[in-house]
PDB file of N, CA and C in Angstrom:
ATOM      1  N   UNK A   1      21.283  14.699  -8.455  1.00  0.00           N
ATOM      2  CA  UNK A   1      21.356  16.136  -8.746  1.00  0.00           C
ATOM      3  C   UNK A   1      22.480  16.128  -9.878  1.00  0.00           C
ATOM      4  N   UNK A   2      22.187  16.808 -10.921  1.00  0.00           N
ATOM      5  CA  UNK A   2      22.956  16.788 -12.191  1.00  0.00           C
ATOM      6  C   UNK A   2      23.535  18.365 -12.102  1.00  0.00           C
ATOM      7  N   UNK A   3      24.907  18.257 -12.052  1.00  0.00           N
ATOM      8  CA  UNK A   3      25.556  19.584 -11.972  1.00  0.00           C
ATOM      9  C   UNK A   3      26.445  19.655 -13.339  1.00  0.00           C
ATOM     10  N   UNK A   4      26.387  20.725 -13.829  1.00  0.00           N
ATOM     11  CA  UNK A   4      27.389  20.981 -15.004  1.00  0.00           C
ATOM     12  C   UNK A   4      28.692  21.584 -14.454  1.00  0.00           C
ATOM     13  N   UNK A   5      29.775  20.826 -14.833  1.00  0.00           N
ATOM     14  CA  UNK A   5      31.182  21.284 -14.477  1.00  0.00           C
ATOM     15  C   UNK A   5      31.906  21.812 -15.477  1.00  0.00           C
ATOM     16  N   UNK A   6      32.211  23.075 -15.350  1.00  0.00           N
ATOM     17  CA  UNK A   6      32.944  23.698 -16.598  1.00  0.00           C
ATOM     18  C   UNK A   6      34.419  23.071 -16.510  1.00  0.00           C
ATOM     19  N   UNK A   7      35.063  22.949 -17.700  1.00  0.00           N
ATOM     20  CA  UNK A   7      36.218  22.118 -17.972  1.00  0.00           C
ATOM     21  C   UNK A   7      37.335  22.947 -17.159  1.00  0.00           C
ATOM     22  N   UNK A   8      37.313  24.224 -17.145  1.00  0.00           N
ATOM     23  CA  UNK A   8      38.317  25.085 -16.537  1.00  0.00           C
ATOM     24  C   UNK A   8      38.198  24.986 -14.883  1.00  0.00           C
ATOM     25  N   UNK A   9      37.137  24.466 -14.360  1.00  0.00           N
ATOM     26  CA  UNK A   9      37.134  24.245 -12.954  1.00  0.00           C
ATOM     27  C   UNK A   9      37.862  22.908 -12.407  1.00  0.00           C
ATOM     28  N   UNK A  10      38.130  22.002 -13.414  1.00  0.00           N
ATOM     29  CA  UNK A  10      38.758  20.770 -13.015  1.00  0.00           C
ATOM     30  C   UNK A  10      40.213  20.988 -12.771  1.00  0.00           C
ATOM     31  N   UNK A  11      40.842  20.575 -11.754  1.00  0.00           N
ATOM     32  CA  UNK A  11      42.053  20.949 -11.309  1.00  0.00           C
ATOM     33  C   UNK A  11      43.201  20.207 -12.088  1.00  0.00           C
ATOM     34  N   UNK A  12      44.157  20.870 -12.428  1.00  0.00           N
ATOM     35  CA  UNK A  12      45.151  20.345 -13.240  1.00  0.00           C
ATOM     36  C   UNK A  12      46.459  20.423 -12.208  1.00  0.00           C
ATOM     37  N   UNK A  13      47.535  19.654 -12.469  1.00  0.00           N
ATOM     38  CA  UNK A  13      48.784  19.735 -11.670  1.00  0.00           C
ATOM     39  C   UNK A  13      48.582  19.759 -10.265  1.00  0.00           C
ATOM     40  N   UNK A  14      47.878  18.808  -9.804  1.00  0.00           N
ATOM     41  CA  UNK A  14      47.346  18.763  -8.413  1.00  0.00           C
ATOM     42  C   UNK A  14      48.530  18.747  -7.492  1.00  0.00           C
ATOM     43  N   UNK A  15      48.459  19.448  -6.460  1.00  0.00           N
ATOM     44  CA  UNK A  15      49.545  19.637  -5.415  1.00  0.00           C
ATOM     45  C   UNK A  15      49.195  19.005  -4.143  1.00  0.00           C
ATOM     46  N   UNK A  16      50.237  18.211  -3.470  1.00  0.00           N
ATOM     47  CA  UNK A  16      49.978  17.533  -2.255  1.00  0.00           C
ATOM     48  C   UNK A  16      49.631  18.433  -1.183  1.00  0.00           C
ATOM     49  N   UNK A  17      48.701  18.322  -0.291  1.00  0.00           N
ATOM     50  CA  UNK A  17      48.397  19.260   0.756  1.00  0.00           C
ATOM     51  C   UNK A  17      47.706  20.486   0.358  1.00  0.00           C
ATOM     52  N   UNK A  18      47.348  20.720  -0.952  1.00  0.00           N
ATOM     53  CA  UNK A  18      46.599  21.667  -1.314  1.00  0.00           C
ATOM     54  C   UNK A  18      45.144  21.426  -1.105  1.00  0.00           C
ATOM     55  N   UNK A  19      44.256  22.472  -1.032  1.00  0.00           N
ATOM     56  CA  UNK A  19      42.770  22.546  -0.757  1.00  0.00           C
ATOM     57  C   UNK A  19      42.066  22.494  -2.027  1.00  0.00           C
ATOM     58  N   UNK A  20      41.136  21.637  -2.389  1.00  0.00           N
ATOM     59  CA  UNK A  20      40.380  21.694  -3.638  1.00  0.00           C
ATOM     60  C   UNK A  20      39.013  21.414  -3.120  1.00  0.00           C
ATOM     61  N   UNK A  21      38.130  21.212  -4.238  1.00  0.00           N
ATOM     62  CA  UNK A  21      36.671  20.678  -3.919  1.00  0.00           C
ATOM     63  C   UNK A  21      36.363  19.405  -4.413  1.00  0.00           C
ATOM     64  N   UNK A  22      35.464  18.653  -3.788  1.00  0.00           N
ATOM     65  CA  UNK A  22      35.098  17.359  -4.237  1.00  0.00           C
ATOM     66  C   UNK A  22      33.833  17.896  -5.135  1.00  0.00           C
ATOM     67  N   UNK A  23      33.891  17.438  -6.442  1.00  0.00           N
ATOM     68  CA  UNK A  23      32.726  17.803  -7.322  1.00  0.00           C
ATOM     69  C   UNK A  23      31.505  17.234  -6.933  1.00  0.00           C
ATOM     70  N   UNK A  24      31.615  16.072  -6.108  1.00  0.00           N
ATOM     71  CA  UNK A  24      30.284  15.185  -5.838  1.00  0.00           C
ATOM     72  C   UNK A  24      29.587  15.805  -4.784  1.00  0.00           C
ATOM     73  N   UNK A  25      30.229  16.399  -3.930  1.00  0.00           N
ATOM     74  CA  UNK A  25      29.679  17.086  -2.652  1.00  0.00           C
ATOM     75  C   UNK A  25      29.852  18.442  -2.401  1.00  0.00           C
ATOM     76  N   UNK A  26      30.763  19.185  -3.275  1.00  0.00           N
ATOM     77  CA  UNK A  26      31.164  20.559  -3.322  1.00  0.00           C
ATOM     78  C   UNK A  26      31.642  20.855  -1.884  1.00  0.00           C
ATOM     79  N   UNK A  27      32.164  19.933  -1.120  1.00  0.00           N
ATOM     80  CA  UNK A  27      32.942  20.120  -0.022  1.00  0.00           C
ATOM     81  C   UNK A  27      34.475  20.277  -0.275  1.00  0.00           C
ATOM     82  N   UNK A  28      35.111  21.150   0.684  1.00  0.00           N
ATOM     83  CA  UNK A  28      36.511  21.363   0.596  1.00  0.00           C
ATOM     84  C   UNK A  28      37.331  20.112   0.979  1.00  0.00           C
ATOM     85  N   UNK A  29      38.350  19.819   0.287  1.00  0.00           N
ATOM     86  CA  UNK A  29      39.063  18.471   0.619  1.00  0.00           C
ATOM     87  C   UNK A  29      40.658  18.925   0.500  1.00  0.00           C
ATOM     88  N   UNK A  30      41.338  18.179   1.548  1.00  0.00           N
ATOM     89  CA  UNK A  30      42.897  18.425   1.351  1.00  0.00           C
ATOM     90  C   UNK A  30      43.404  17.149   0.624  1.00  0.00           C
ATOM     91  N   UNK A  31      44.325  17.308  -0.453  1.00  0.00           N
ATOM     92  CA  UNK A  31      44.882  16.228  -1.030  1.00  0.00           C
ATOM     93  C   UNK A  31      46.033  15.587  -0.248  1.00  0.00           C
ATOM     94  N   UNK A  32      45.942  14.208  -0.052  1.00  0.00           N
ATOM     95  CA  UNK A  32      46.862  13.742   0.685  1.00  0.00           C
ATOM     96  C   UNK A  32      47.920  12.973  -0.123  1.00  0.00           C
ATOM     97  N   UNK A  33      47.490  12.328  -1.180  1.00  0.00           N
ATOM     98  CA  UNK A  33      48.297  11.629  -2.092  1.00  0.00           C
ATOM     99  C   UNK A  33      47.793  11.560  -3.505  1.00  0.00           C
ATOM    100  N   UNK A  34      48.672  11.616  -4.417  1.00  0.00           N
ATOM    101  CA  UNK A  34      48.151  11.484  -5.931  1.00  0.00           C
ATOM    102  C   UNK A  34      48.548  10.061  -6.418  1.00  0.00           C
ATOM    103  N   UNK A  35      47.496   9.450  -6.921  1.00  0.00           N
ATOM    104  CA  UNK A  35      47.615   7.999  -7.280  1.00  0.00           C
ATOM    105  C   UNK A  35      47.556   7.989  -8.898  1.00  0.00           C
ATOM    106  N   UNK A  36      48.733   7.824  -9.561  1.00  0.00           N
ATOM    107  CA  UNK A  36      48.704   7.837 -10.959  1.00  0.00           C
ATOM    108  C   UNK A  36      47.623   6.885 -11.610  1.00  0.00           C
ATOM    109  N   UNK A  37      47.149   7.501 -12.606  1.00  0.00           N
ATOM    110  CA  UNK A  37      46.013   6.933 -13.680  1.00  0.00           C
ATOM    111  C   UNK A  37      44.786   6.566 -12.672  1.00  0.00           C
ATOM    112  N   UNK A  38      44.633   7.075 -11.395  1.00  0.00           N
ATOM    113  CA  UNK A  38      43.405   6.735 -10.702  1.00  0.00           C
ATOM    114  C   UNK A  38      42.702   7.915 -10.063  1.00  0.00           C
ATOM    115  N   UNK A  39      43.504   8.728  -9.262  1.00  0.00           N
ATOM    116  CA  UNK A  39      42.868   9.945  -8.651  1.00  0.00           C
ATOM    117  C   UNK A  39      43.639  10.378  -7.478  1.00  0.00           C
ATOM    118  N   UNK A  40      42.967  10.901  -6.474  1.00  0.00           N
ATOM    119  CA  UNK A  40      43.633  11.461  -5.290  1.00  0.00           C
ATOM    120  C   UNK A  40      43.108  10.864  -4.078  1.00  0.00           C
ATOM    121  N   UNK A  41      43.986  10.639  -2.955  1.00  0.00           N
ATOM    122  CA  UNK A  41      43.353  10.388  -1.780  1.00  0.00           C
ATOM    123  C   UNK A  41      43.280  11.792  -0.939  1.00  0.00           C
ATOM    124  N   UNK A  42      42.116  11.854  -0.174  1.00  0.00           N
ATOM    125  CA  UNK A  42      41.713  13.154   0.467  1.00  0.00           C
ATOM    126  C   UNK A  42      41.285  12.916   1.870  1.00  0.00           C
ATOM    127  N   UNK A  43      41.096  14.099   2.557  1.00  0.00           N
ATOM    128  CA  UNK A  43      40.207  14.145   3.662  1.00  0.00           C
ATOM    129  C   UNK A  43      39.566  15.481   3.703  1.00  0.00           C
ATOM    130  N   UNK A  44      38.391  15.424   4.448  1.00  0.00           N
ATOM    131  CA  UNK A  44      37.682  16.537   4.681  1.00  0.00           C
ATOM    132  C   UNK A  44      38.212  17.324   6.023  1.00  0.00           C
ATOM    133  N   UNK A  45      37.775  18.457   6.183  1.00  0.00           N
ATOM    134  CA  UNK A  45      38.386  19.360   7.442  1.00  0.00           C
ATOM    135  C   UNK A  45      38.107  18.576   8.663  1.00  0.00           C
ATOM    136  N   UNK A  46      37.096  17.739   8.902  1.00  0.00           N
ATOM    137  CA  UNK A  46      36.897  17.168  10.141  1.00  0.00           C
ATOM    138  C   UNK A  46      37.560  15.813  10.272  1.00  0.00           C
ATOM    139  N   UNK A  47      38.396  15.603   9.113  1.00  0.00           N
ATOM    140  CA  UNK A  47      39.142  14.171   9.365  1.00  0.00           C
ATOM    141  C   UNK A  47      38.498  13.170   8.685  1.00  0.00           C
ATOM    142  N   UNK A  48      37.220  13.163   8.172  1.00  0.00           N
ATOM    143  CA  UNK A  48      36.442  12.070   7.537  1.00  0.00           C
ATOM    144  C   UNK A  48      36.950  12.001   6.145  1.00  0.00           C
ATOM    145  N   UNK A  49      36.708  10.791   5.623  1.00  0.00           N
ATOM    146  CA  UNK A  49      37.116  10.591   4.186  1.00  0.00           C
ATOM    147  C   UNK A  49      38.631  10.228   4.136  1.00  0.00           C
ATOM    148  N   UNK A  50      39.294  10.204   5.181  1.00  0.00           N
ATOM    149  CA  UNK A  50      40.625   9.983   5.157  1.00  0.00           C
ATOM    150  C   UNK A  50      41.073   8.744   4.373  1.00  0.00           C
ATOM    151  N   UNK A  51      41.816   8.901   3.309  1.00  0.00           N
ATOM    152  CA  UNK A  51      42.254   7.813   2.384  1.00  0.00           C
ATOM    153  C   UNK A  51      41.300   7.451   1.252  1.00  0.00           C
ATOM    154  N   UNK A  52      40.134   8.162   1.332  1.00  0.00           N
ATOM    155  CA  UNK A  52      39.177   7.686   0.078  1.00  0.00           C
ATOM    156  C   UNK A  52      39.859   8.254  -1.122  1.00  0.00           C
ATOM    157  N   UNK A  53      39.552   7.480  -2.256  1.00  0.00           N
ATOM    158  CA  UNK A  53      40.152   7.922  -3.486  1.00  0.00           C
ATOM    159  C   UNK A  53      38.900   8.650  -4.229  1.00  0.00           C
ATOM    160  N   UNK A  54      39.316   9.748  -4.859  1.00  0.00           N
ATOM    161  CA  UNK A  54      38.588  10.581  -5.757  1.00  0.00           C
ATOM    162  C   UNK A  54      39.222  10.636  -7.143  1.00  0.00           C
ATOM    163  N   UNK A  55      38.401  10.375  -8.217  1.00  0.00           N
ATOM    164  CA  UNK A  55      38.811  10.451  -9.440  1.00  0.00           C
ATOM    165  C   UNK A  55      39.536  11.908  -9.869  1.00  0.00           C
ATOM    166  N   UNK A  56      40.382  12.181 -10.786  1.00  0.00           N
ATOM    167  CA  UNK A  56      40.988  13.295 -10.990  1.00  0.00           C
ATOM    168  C   UNK A  56      39.769  14.317 -11.614  1.00  0.00           C
ATOM    169  N   UNK A  57      38.832  13.773 -12.559  1.00  0.00           N
ATOM    170  CA  UNK A  57      37.935  14.576 -12.957  1.00  0.00           C
ATOM    171  C   UNK A  57      36.892  15.221 -12.004  1.00  0.00           C
ATOM    172  N   UNK A  58      36.921  14.727 -10.915  1.00  0.00           N
ATOM    173  CA  UNK A  58      36.105  15.012  -9.676  1.00  0.00           C
ATOM    174  C   UNK A  58      36.671  16.069  -8.623  1.00  0.00           C
ATOM    175  N   UNK A  59      38.054  16.543  -8.937  1.00  0.00           N
ATOM    176  CA  UNK A  59      38.794  17.354  -8.160  1.00  0.00           C
ATOM    177  C   UNK A  59      38.760  18.716  -8.858  1.00  0.00           C
ATOM    178  N   UNK A  60      38.005  19.757  -8.006  1.00  0.00           N
ATOM    179  CA  UNK A  60      37.857  21.032  -8.542  1.00  0.00           C
ATOM    180  C   UNK A  60      38.800  22.178  -7.886  1.00  0.00           C
ATOM    181  N   UNK A  61      39.084  23.175  -8.523  1.00  0.00           N
ATOM    182  CA  UNK A  61      39.737  24.278  -7.929  1.00  0.00           C
ATOM    183  C   UNK A  61      38.866  24.783  -6.735  1.00  0.00           C
ATOM    184  N   UNK A  62      39.373  25.147  -5.705  1.00  0.00           N
ATOM    185  CA  UNK A  62      38.727  25.948  -4.654  1.00  0.00           C
ATOM    186  C   UNK A  62      39.004  27.569  -4.690  1.00  0.00           C
ATOM    187  N   UNK A  63      37.957  28.226  -4.261  1.00  0.00           N
ATOM    188  CA  UNK A  63      38.168  29.626  -4.301  1.00  0.00           C
ATOM    189  C   UNK A  63      38.859  29.897  -2.881  1.00  0.00           C
ATOM    190  N   UNK A  64      39.377  31.120  -2.756  1.00  0.00           N
ATOM    191  CA  UNK A  64      40.104  31.546  -1.554  1.00  0.00           C
ATOM    192  C   UNK A  64      39.153  31.425  -0.286  1.00  0.00           C
ATOM    193  N   UNK A  65      37.871  31.845  -0.406  1.00  0.00           N
ATOM    194  CA  UNK A  65      37.098  31.837   0.739  1.00  0.00           C
ATOM    195  C   UNK A  65      36.846  30.246   1.119  1.00  0.00           C
ATOM    196  N   UNK A  66      36.805  29.505   0.297  1.00  0.00           N
ATOM    197  CA  UNK A  66      36.570  27.970   0.486  1.00  0.00           C
ATOM    198  C   UNK A  66      37.946  27.410   1.234  1.00  0.00           C
ATOM    199  N   UNK A  67      38.952  27.757   0.938  1.00  0.00           N
ATOM    200  CA  UNK A  67      40.510  27.420   1.330  1.00  0.00           C
ATOM    201  C   UNK A  67      40.252  27.884   2.778  1.00  0.00           C
ATOM    202  N   UNK A  68      39.892  29.225   3.066  1.00  0.00           N
ATOM    203  CA  UNK A  68      39.804  29.745   4.433  1.00  0.00           C
ATOM    204  C   UNK A  68      38.886  29.065   5.208  1.00  0.00           C
ATOM    205  N   UNK A  69      37.830  28.531   4.681  1.00  0.00           N
ATOM    206  CA  UNK A  69      36.784  27.947   5.462  1.00  0.00           C
ATOM    207  C   UNK A  69      37.283  26.403   5.992  1.00  0.00           C
ATOM    208  N   UNK A  70      37.968  25.808   4.995  1.00  0.00           N
ATOM    209  CA  UNK A  70      38.593  24.454   5.214  1.00  0.00           C
ATOM    210  C   UNK A  70      39.617  24.694   6.365  1.00  0.00           C
ATOM    211  N   UNK A  71      40.466  25.676   6.325  1.00  0.00           N
ATOM    212  CA  UNK A  71      41.521  25.908   7.299  1.00  0.00           C
ATOM    213  C   UNK A  71      40.926  26.125   8.753  1.00  0.00           C
ATOM    214  N   UNK A  72      39.881  26.927   8.770  1.00  0.00           N
ATOM    215  CA  UNK A  72      39.144  27.338   9.893  1.00  0.00           C
ATOM    216  C   UNK A  72      38.626  26.185  10.585  1.00  0.00           C
ATOM    217  N   UNK A  73      37.780  25.307   9.799  1.00  0.00           N
ATOM    218  CA  UNK A  73      37.187  23.990  10.224  1.00  0.00           C
ATOM    219  C   UNK A  73      38.165  23.015  10.836  1.00  0.00           C
ATOM    220  N   UNK A  74      39.476  22.923  10.064  1.00  0.00           N
ATOM    221  CA  UNK A  74      40.310  21.773  10.519  1.00  0.00           C
ATOM    222  C   UNK A  74      40.957  22.274  11.708  1.00  0.00           C
ATOM    223  N   UNK A  75      41.067  23.676  12.035  1.00  0.00           N
ATOM    224  CA  UNK A  75      41.686  24.017  13.273  1.00  0.00           C
ATOM    225  C   UNK A  75      40.772  23.846  14.427  1.00  0.00           C
ATOM    226  N   UNK A  76      39.404  23.875  14.163  1.00  0.00           N
ATOM    227  CA  UNK A  76      38.394  23.618  15.224  1.00  0.00           C
ATOM    228  C   UNK A  76      38.348  22.313  15.625  1.00  0.00           C
ATOM    229  N   UNK A  77      38.731  21.169  14.812  1.00  0.00           N
ATOM    230  CA  UNK A  77      38.633  19.967  15.110  1.00  0.00           C
ATOM    231  C   UNK A  77      39.783  19.404  15.714  1.00  0.00           C
TER     232      UNK A  77
END
């Protein structure tokens, strides 16, 4: 699947613990660690993907409803 990602959607100044989107899956992620020159470690709301590395270019800003969805899903698990 080929998606066009607008440059303004790519997250800059990534914050630890904040909710973003994985550009590959369009699922919400929580940033666990920022690895200079490589990307971020993250996890999905259900805890899967813990410690996987995602390149910076694949970290997108999340909308408020996506953040809310992540928080609701993580509380359910």
